[in-house]
N, C-alpha and C. Protein backbone atom coordinates (compact mmCIF):
# COMPACT_ATOMS: atom_id res chain seq x y z
N MET A 1 14.10 30.57 28.27
CA MET A 1 13.49 31.53 27.41
C MET A 1 12.45 30.82 26.53
N LEU A 2 11.26 31.32 26.53
CA LEU A 2 10.20 30.74 25.72
C LEU A 2 10.18 31.39 24.34
N ARG A 3 9.99 30.56 23.34
CA ARG A 3 9.90 31.08 21.98
C ARG A 3 8.46 30.92 21.52
N LYS A 4 8.08 31.81 20.64
CA LYS A 4 6.76 31.69 20.06
C LYS A 4 6.78 30.62 18.98
N LEU A 5 5.79 29.78 19.01
CA LEU A 5 5.67 28.69 18.06
C LEU A 5 4.67 29.09 16.99
N LEU A 6 5.10 29.11 15.76
CA LEU A 6 4.23 29.48 14.66
C LEU A 6 3.41 28.27 14.28
N ILE A 7 2.11 28.40 14.26
CA ILE A 7 1.21 27.30 13.89
C ILE A 7 0.50 27.70 12.60
N GLU A 8 0.60 26.82 11.60
CA GLU A 8 -0.06 27.07 10.33
C GLU A 8 -0.87 25.84 9.94
N PHE A 9 -1.89 26.05 9.16
CA PHE A 9 -2.69 24.98 8.64
C PHE A 9 -2.48 24.89 7.14
N THR A 10 -2.56 23.69 6.64
CA THR A 10 -2.34 23.45 5.22
C THR A 10 -3.41 22.52 4.70
N GLY A 11 -3.62 22.56 3.41
CA GLY A 11 -4.60 21.66 2.79
C GLY A 11 -4.00 20.32 2.42
N LYS A 12 -2.71 20.15 2.72
CA LYS A 12 -2.05 18.88 2.38
C LYS A 12 -2.51 17.75 3.30
N LYS A 13 -2.58 16.56 2.71
CA LYS A 13 -2.93 15.38 3.50
C LYS A 13 -1.70 14.92 4.27
N ILE A 14 -1.90 14.43 5.48
CA ILE A 14 -0.80 13.89 6.26
C ILE A 14 -1.12 12.46 6.68
N SER A 15 -0.09 11.72 7.02
CA SER A 15 -0.24 10.34 7.42
C SER A 15 0.87 9.98 8.40
N PRO A 16 0.54 9.13 9.37
CA PRO A 16 1.62 8.66 10.26
C PRO A 16 2.60 7.75 9.52
N TRP A 17 2.21 7.32 8.30
CA TRP A 17 3.06 6.39 7.53
C TRP A 17 3.72 7.11 6.35
N GLY A 18 3.73 8.41 6.35
CA GLY A 18 4.28 9.19 5.22
C GLY A 18 5.74 8.89 4.95
N GLY A 19 6.49 8.46 5.94
CA GLY A 19 7.91 8.12 5.75
C GLY A 19 8.12 6.94 4.82
N ILE A 20 7.06 6.19 4.56
CA ILE A 20 7.17 5.05 3.64
C ILE A 20 7.50 5.55 2.23
N HIS A 21 7.33 6.84 2.01
CA HIS A 21 7.66 7.40 0.71
C HIS A 21 9.11 7.14 0.32
N LEU A 22 10.01 7.16 1.31
CA LEU A 22 11.44 6.86 1.03
C LEU A 22 11.61 5.42 0.57
N PHE A 23 10.94 4.50 1.25
CA PHE A 23 11.02 3.10 0.84
C PHE A 23 10.42 2.91 -0.55
N LYS A 24 9.33 3.62 -0.82
CA LYS A 24 8.68 3.55 -2.12
C LYS A 24 9.63 4.05 -3.21
N SER A 25 10.44 5.07 -2.90
CA SER A 25 11.40 5.59 -3.87
C SER A 25 12.42 4.51 -4.24
N VAL A 26 12.92 3.78 -3.26
CA VAL A 26 13.86 2.69 -3.52
C VAL A 26 13.15 1.57 -4.30
N TYR A 27 11.95 1.26 -3.92
CA TYR A 27 11.13 0.24 -4.60
C TYR A 27 11.01 0.59 -6.09
N ASP A 28 10.72 1.87 -6.37
CA ASP A 28 10.59 2.32 -7.75
C ASP A 28 11.93 2.29 -8.49
N MET A 29 12.97 2.75 -7.80
CA MET A 29 14.32 2.82 -8.41
C MET A 29 14.78 1.41 -8.83
N LEU A 30 14.46 0.40 -8.04
CA LEU A 30 14.83 -0.97 -8.36
C LEU A 30 13.91 -1.61 -9.40
N GLY A 31 12.81 -0.95 -9.73
CA GLY A 31 11.91 -1.48 -10.75
C GLY A 31 11.08 -2.66 -10.25
N LEU A 32 10.84 -2.75 -8.94
CA LEU A 32 10.13 -3.90 -8.38
C LEU A 32 8.67 -3.95 -8.79
N HIS A 33 8.04 -2.79 -9.04
CA HIS A 33 6.66 -2.80 -9.47
C HIS A 33 6.53 -3.49 -10.82
N GLU A 34 7.43 -3.17 -11.74
CA GLU A 34 7.42 -3.79 -13.06
C GLU A 34 7.79 -5.27 -12.97
N PHE A 35 8.76 -5.58 -12.10
CA PHE A 35 9.18 -6.96 -11.92
C PHE A 35 8.01 -7.83 -11.41
N LEU A 36 7.35 -7.36 -10.36
CA LEU A 36 6.23 -8.13 -9.82
C LEU A 36 5.06 -8.16 -10.78
N GLY A 37 4.88 -7.10 -11.57
CA GLY A 37 3.81 -7.05 -12.54
C GLY A 37 4.01 -8.01 -13.69
N GLY A 38 5.24 -8.52 -13.85
CA GLY A 38 5.54 -9.47 -14.91
C GLY A 38 5.11 -10.91 -14.58
N PHE A 39 4.72 -11.17 -13.37
CA PHE A 39 4.26 -12.50 -12.99
C PHE A 39 2.80 -12.67 -13.43
N PRO A 40 2.40 -13.90 -13.70
CA PRO A 40 1.01 -14.15 -14.12
C PRO A 40 0.05 -14.08 -12.95
N LEU A 41 -0.22 -12.88 -12.47
CA LEU A 41 -1.11 -12.70 -11.33
C LEU A 41 -2.57 -12.76 -11.81
N PRO A 42 -3.45 -13.35 -11.02
CA PRO A 42 -4.86 -13.39 -11.41
C PRO A 42 -5.45 -11.98 -11.37
N GLN A 43 -6.37 -11.74 -12.26
CA GLN A 43 -7.03 -10.45 -12.32
C GLN A 43 -8.39 -10.54 -11.61
N PRO A 44 -8.85 -9.44 -11.03
CA PRO A 44 -10.13 -9.48 -10.35
C PRO A 44 -11.26 -9.84 -11.30
N GLY A 45 -12.24 -10.55 -10.78
CA GLY A 45 -13.35 -11.01 -11.61
C GLY A 45 -14.51 -10.04 -11.66
N SER A 46 -14.46 -9.00 -10.87
CA SER A 46 -15.57 -8.02 -10.85
C SER A 46 -15.01 -6.62 -10.77
N ASN A 47 -15.86 -5.63 -11.01
CA ASN A 47 -15.39 -4.24 -10.93
C ASN A 47 -15.12 -3.82 -9.50
N ARG A 48 -15.52 -4.62 -8.52
CA ARG A 48 -15.24 -4.33 -7.11
C ARG A 48 -13.94 -4.97 -6.65
N GLY A 49 -13.37 -5.82 -7.49
CA GLY A 49 -12.15 -6.51 -7.12
C GLY A 49 -10.94 -5.61 -7.04
N VAL A 50 -9.96 -6.04 -6.28
CA VAL A 50 -8.72 -5.28 -6.12
C VAL A 50 -7.65 -5.91 -7.02
N ASP A 51 -6.91 -5.08 -7.72
CA ASP A 51 -5.86 -5.57 -8.60
C ASP A 51 -4.86 -6.41 -7.81
N SER A 52 -4.46 -7.52 -8.39
CA SER A 52 -3.56 -8.47 -7.69
C SER A 52 -2.23 -7.86 -7.32
N LEU A 53 -1.69 -7.02 -8.17
CA LEU A 53 -0.43 -6.35 -7.85
C LEU A 53 -0.57 -5.42 -6.66
N ASP A 54 -1.72 -4.75 -6.57
CA ASP A 54 -2.01 -3.90 -5.41
C ASP A 54 -2.06 -4.74 -4.13
N ILE A 55 -2.60 -5.94 -4.22
CA ILE A 55 -2.67 -6.82 -3.06
C ILE A 55 -1.25 -7.20 -2.60
N VAL A 56 -0.41 -7.59 -3.56
CA VAL A 56 0.96 -7.99 -3.23
C VAL A 56 1.73 -6.81 -2.62
N GLU A 57 1.60 -5.63 -3.23
CA GLU A 57 2.30 -4.47 -2.71
C GLU A 57 1.78 -4.07 -1.33
N ALA A 58 0.48 -4.11 -1.13
CA ALA A 58 -0.09 -3.76 0.17
C ALA A 58 0.42 -4.70 1.26
N PHE A 59 0.51 -5.96 0.95
CA PHE A 59 1.04 -6.94 1.91
C PHE A 59 2.50 -6.63 2.22
N LEU A 60 3.28 -6.41 1.17
CA LEU A 60 4.72 -6.11 1.34
C LEU A 60 4.91 -4.87 2.21
N PHE A 61 4.21 -3.80 1.89
CA PHE A 61 4.41 -2.56 2.60
C PHE A 61 3.83 -2.58 4.00
N SER A 62 2.79 -3.37 4.22
CA SER A 62 2.27 -3.48 5.60
C SER A 62 3.30 -4.20 6.48
N VAL A 63 4.01 -5.16 5.90
CA VAL A 63 5.10 -5.83 6.66
C VAL A 63 6.23 -4.85 6.94
N VAL A 64 6.58 -4.05 5.93
CA VAL A 64 7.65 -3.05 6.11
C VAL A 64 7.27 -2.06 7.23
N LEU A 65 5.99 -1.75 7.32
CA LEU A 65 5.51 -0.80 8.33
C LEU A 65 5.31 -1.45 9.71
N GLY A 66 5.55 -2.74 9.80
CA GLY A 66 5.50 -3.38 11.11
C GLY A 66 4.30 -4.28 11.39
N SER A 67 3.50 -4.56 10.36
CA SER A 67 2.36 -5.44 10.59
C SER A 67 2.84 -6.84 10.99
N GLN A 68 2.16 -7.39 11.97
CA GLN A 68 2.49 -8.74 12.38
C GLN A 68 1.33 -9.71 12.14
N ARG A 69 0.19 -9.16 11.76
CA ARG A 69 -0.99 -9.95 11.45
C ARG A 69 -1.64 -9.37 10.20
N LEU A 70 -2.39 -10.20 9.48
CA LEU A 70 -3.08 -9.70 8.30
C LEU A 70 -4.07 -8.61 8.65
N ALA A 71 -4.64 -8.69 9.83
CA ALA A 71 -5.60 -7.67 10.26
C ALA A 71 -4.96 -6.30 10.39
N HIS A 72 -3.65 -6.26 10.60
CA HIS A 72 -2.95 -4.98 10.73
C HIS A 72 -2.90 -4.22 9.41
N ASN A 73 -3.19 -4.92 8.31
CA ASN A 73 -3.21 -4.26 7.01
C ASN A 73 -4.28 -3.18 6.98
N GLY A 74 -5.23 -3.25 7.89
CA GLY A 74 -6.27 -2.25 7.98
C GLY A 74 -5.73 -0.85 8.22
N MET A 75 -4.53 -0.76 8.78
CA MET A 75 -3.95 0.58 9.03
C MET A 75 -3.68 1.30 7.73
N LEU A 76 -3.50 0.57 6.64
CA LEU A 76 -3.26 1.20 5.34
C LEU A 76 -4.56 1.43 4.58
N ARG A 77 -5.59 0.68 4.95
CA ARG A 77 -6.82 0.66 4.18
C ARG A 77 -7.48 2.03 4.00
N SER A 78 -7.51 2.82 5.04
CA SER A 78 -8.19 4.08 4.95
C SER A 78 -7.26 5.30 4.84
N ASP A 79 -5.98 5.04 4.66
CA ASP A 79 -5.00 6.12 4.59
C ASP A 79 -4.89 6.65 3.15
N GLU A 80 -5.40 7.85 2.91
CA GLU A 80 -5.40 8.45 1.60
C GLU A 80 -3.99 8.77 1.10
N VAL A 81 -3.09 9.14 2.00
CA VAL A 81 -1.71 9.46 1.63
C VAL A 81 -1.03 8.21 1.07
N ILE A 82 -1.18 7.10 1.75
CA ILE A 82 -0.59 5.83 1.26
C ILE A 82 -1.18 5.46 -0.10
N ARG A 83 -2.48 5.62 -0.24
CA ARG A 83 -3.14 5.33 -1.52
C ARG A 83 -2.53 6.19 -2.64
N ASP A 84 -2.29 7.47 -2.34
CA ASP A 84 -1.70 8.35 -3.35
C ASP A 84 -0.25 8.01 -3.65
N ILE A 85 0.52 7.67 -2.62
CA ILE A 85 1.94 7.33 -2.82
C ILE A 85 2.07 6.11 -3.74
N PHE A 86 1.22 5.11 -3.54
CA PHE A 86 1.32 3.87 -4.32
C PHE A 86 0.41 3.82 -5.54
N ASN A 87 -0.38 4.87 -5.73
CA ASN A 87 -1.31 4.90 -6.88
C ASN A 87 -2.28 3.74 -6.86
N TRP A 88 -2.70 3.34 -5.68
CA TRP A 88 -3.72 2.29 -5.56
C TRP A 88 -5.07 2.91 -5.79
N LYS A 89 -5.81 2.38 -6.74
CA LYS A 89 -7.12 2.95 -7.08
C LYS A 89 -8.12 2.76 -5.95
N LYS A 90 -8.06 1.62 -5.29
CA LYS A 90 -9.05 1.30 -4.24
C LYS A 90 -8.47 1.26 -2.86
N GLY A 91 -7.25 1.68 -2.70
CA GLY A 91 -6.63 1.58 -1.36
C GLY A 91 -6.11 0.19 -1.09
N ALA A 92 -5.64 -0.02 0.09
CA ALA A 92 -5.12 -1.34 0.49
C ALA A 92 -6.28 -2.32 0.65
N PRO A 93 -6.07 -3.58 0.33
CA PRO A 93 -7.12 -4.54 0.48
C PRO A 93 -7.39 -4.88 1.94
N SER A 94 -8.54 -5.42 2.20
CA SER A 94 -8.90 -5.83 3.57
C SER A 94 -8.16 -7.11 3.94
N ALA A 95 -8.18 -7.44 5.21
CA ALA A 95 -7.55 -8.67 5.67
C ALA A 95 -8.22 -9.88 5.04
N SER A 96 -9.54 -9.82 4.85
CA SER A 96 -10.24 -10.96 4.24
C SER A 96 -9.82 -11.15 2.79
N THR A 97 -9.51 -10.07 2.08
CA THR A 97 -9.01 -10.19 0.70
C THR A 97 -7.65 -10.86 0.71
N LEU A 98 -6.80 -10.51 1.64
CA LEU A 98 -5.45 -11.13 1.72
C LEU A 98 -5.55 -12.62 2.04
N THR A 99 -6.54 -13.03 2.79
CA THR A 99 -6.63 -14.46 3.15
C THR A 99 -7.29 -15.26 2.05
N GLN A 100 -7.92 -14.60 1.08
CA GLN A 100 -8.61 -15.32 0.02
C GLN A 100 -7.85 -15.37 -1.30
N VAL A 101 -6.60 -14.90 -1.28
CA VAL A 101 -5.81 -14.89 -2.50
C VAL A 101 -5.48 -16.31 -2.89
N SER A 102 -5.72 -16.63 -4.17
CA SER A 102 -5.44 -17.97 -4.66
C SER A 102 -4.15 -17.95 -5.47
N VAL A 103 -3.51 -19.09 -5.58
CA VAL A 103 -2.27 -19.22 -6.31
C VAL A 103 -2.59 -19.78 -7.69
N VAL A 104 -2.03 -19.15 -8.71
CA VAL A 104 -2.23 -19.60 -10.08
C VAL A 104 -0.99 -20.36 -10.51
N LYS A 105 -1.19 -21.57 -10.99
CA LYS A 105 -0.06 -22.38 -11.48
C LYS A 105 0.08 -22.17 -12.97
N SER A 106 1.30 -22.03 -13.44
CA SER A 106 1.53 -21.93 -14.88
C SER A 106 2.15 -23.22 -15.35
N ASN A 107 1.83 -23.63 -16.56
CA ASN A 107 2.34 -24.90 -17.11
C ASN A 107 3.65 -24.68 -17.82
């Protein structure tokens, strides 16, 4: 017996990575954003720079989503839903940004 399938359109944004919202909920519940933000991370030197905490989170979540290379981070770069879930102002950083991150030593 065939059933009629109701098809509707919505103005909501969708993403193949929308399920990451559950992991983000646990991340928030554990306070990891605040914990990582407490480290002396370098700040961008220009208005085009990406916040260091956004870089760390983008790397972490790209690994959670199955990235095996830095270039795979590009899957998050243009995803507006991911940007909204994580409140990233500029989206995920590019692979070249991830490879140019410097380490700051504290005394």
